[in-house]
């Protein structure tokens, strides 16, 4: 296992950690003209169960 030779300073540690940012997910508008809700890209719409221009085959329970 790799072991650091020297202690990393507080400044260097904080500079490194400052790059870990939380990013809000980008949302897309549903392709269904009747729905037009926002959902994650490359996922079926949770409102109308449509993926892109074609409807989802699953039943909603």
C-alpha atoms as a PDB file:
ATOM      1  CA  UNK A   1       0.000   0.000   0.000  1.00  0.00           C
ATOM      2  CA  UNK A   2       1.294   3.478  -0.850  1.00  0.00           C
ATOM      3  CA  UNK A   3       2.256   5.620   2.122  1.00  0.00           C
ATOM      4  CA  UNK A   4       2.948   9.360   1.767  1.00  0.00           C
ATOM      5  CA  UNK A   5       6.552  10.430   2.489  1.00  0.00           C
ATOM      6  CA  UNK A   6       5.544  13.715   4.116  1.00  0.00           C
ATOM      7  CA  UNK A   7       2.530  15.203   5.814  1.00  0.00           C
ATOM      8  CA  UNK A   8       0.347  17.236   3.474  1.00  0.00           C
ATOM      9  CA  UNK A   9      -0.101  20.799   4.733  1.00  0.00           C
ATOM     10  CA  UNK A  10      -3.549  22.173   5.624  1.00  0.00           C
ATOM     11  CA  UNK A  11      -3.326  24.618   2.741  1.00  0.00           C
ATOM     12  CA  UNK A  12      -2.578  21.910   0.178  1.00  0.00           C
ATOM     13  CA  UNK A  13      -5.277  19.645   1.618  1.00  0.00           C
ATOM     14  CA  UNK A  14      -7.878  22.394   1.432  1.00  0.00           C
ATOM     15  CA  UNK A  15      -6.856  23.380  -2.110  1.00  0.00           C
ATOM     16  CA  UNK A  16      -7.233  19.757  -3.191  1.00  0.00           C
ATOM     17  CA  UNK A  17     -10.611  19.367  -1.482  1.00  0.00           C
ATOM     18  CA  UNK A  18     -11.950  22.618  -2.936  1.00  0.00           C
ATOM     19  CA  UNK A  19     -12.158  20.901  -6.342  1.00  0.00           C
ATOM     20  CA  UNK A  20     -14.758  18.410  -5.034  1.00  0.00           C
ATOM     21  CA  UNK A  21     -17.918  20.313  -5.889  1.00  0.00           C
ATOM     22  CA  UNK A  22     -21.504  19.177  -5.904  1.00  0.00           C
ATOM     23  CA  UNK A  23     -23.062  19.860  -9.306  1.00  0.00           C
ATOM     24  CA  UNK A  24     -26.791  20.121  -9.860  1.00  0.00           C
ATOM     25  CA  UNK A  25     -27.961  17.507 -12.383  1.00  0.00           C
ATOM     26  CA  UNK A  26     -28.916  18.804 -15.809  1.00  0.00           C
ATOM     27  CA  UNK A  27     -32.583  18.248 -16.649  1.00  0.00           C
ATOM     28  CA  UNK A  28     -34.243  17.921 -20.037  1.00  0.00           C
ATOM     29  CA  UNK A  29     -37.831  18.555 -21.083  1.00  0.00           C
ATOM     30  CA  UNK A  30     -39.991  15.528 -21.854  1.00  0.00           C
ATOM     31  CA  UNK A  31     -40.488  14.837 -25.577  1.00  0.00           C
ATOM     32  CA  UNK A  32     -44.205  14.191 -25.013  1.00  0.00           C
ATOM     33  CA  UNK A  33     -45.991  17.443 -25.949  1.00  0.00           C
ATOM     34  CA  UNK A  34     -48.771  16.735 -23.441  1.00  0.00           C
ATOM     35  CA  UNK A  35     -46.325  16.194 -20.539  1.00  0.00           C
ATOM     36  CA  UNK A  36     -43.452  18.725 -20.915  1.00  0.00           C
ATOM     37  CA  UNK A  37     -42.089  17.869 -17.440  1.00  0.00           C
ATOM     38  CA  UNK A  38     -38.372  17.923 -16.539  1.00  0.00           C
ATOM     39  CA  UNK A  39     -36.438  14.670 -16.035  1.00  0.00           C
ATOM     40  CA  UNK A  40     -32.860  13.348 -16.120  1.00  0.00           C
ATOM     41  CA  UNK A  41     -31.410  12.813 -19.591  1.00  0.00           C
ATOM     42  CA  UNK A  42     -31.320   9.224 -20.954  1.00  0.00           C
ATOM     43  CA  UNK A  43     -34.056   8.156 -18.510  1.00  0.00           C
ATOM     44  CA  UNK A  44     -37.770   7.518 -18.966  1.00  0.00           C
ATOM     45  CA  UNK A  45     -39.993  10.367 -17.842  1.00  0.00           C
ATOM     46  CA  UNK A  46     -41.400   9.575 -14.359  1.00  0.00           C
ATOM     47  CA  UNK A  47     -44.668  11.385 -15.165  1.00  0.00           C
ATOM     48  CA  UNK A  48     -45.706   9.777 -18.468  1.00  0.00           C
ATOM     49  CA  UNK A  49     -43.206   6.838 -18.704  1.00  0.00           C
ATOM     50  CA  UNK A  50     -42.060   7.894 -22.162  1.00  0.00           C
ATOM     51  CA  UNK A  51     -38.429   7.514 -23.262  1.00  0.00           C
ATOM     52  CA  UNK A  52     -37.582   9.963 -26.024  1.00  0.00           C
ATOM     53  CA  UNK A  53     -40.123   9.787 -28.812  1.00  0.00           C
ATOM     54  CA  UNK A  54     -41.442   6.311 -27.944  1.00  0.00           C
ATOM     55  CA  UNK A  55     -43.667   5.218 -25.056  1.00  0.00           C
ATOM     56  CA  UNK A  56     -42.375   2.890 -22.331  1.00  0.00           C
ATOM     57  CA  UNK A  57     -43.723  -0.669 -22.435  1.00  0.00           C
ATOM     58  CA  UNK A  58     -43.823  -1.060 -18.644  1.00  0.00           C
ATOM     59  CA  UNK A  59     -47.023  -0.737 -16.651  1.00  0.00           C
ATOM     60  CA  UNK A  60     -47.149   1.884 -13.898  1.00  0.00           C
ATOM     61  CA  UNK A  61     -48.207   0.509 -10.546  1.00  0.00           C
END
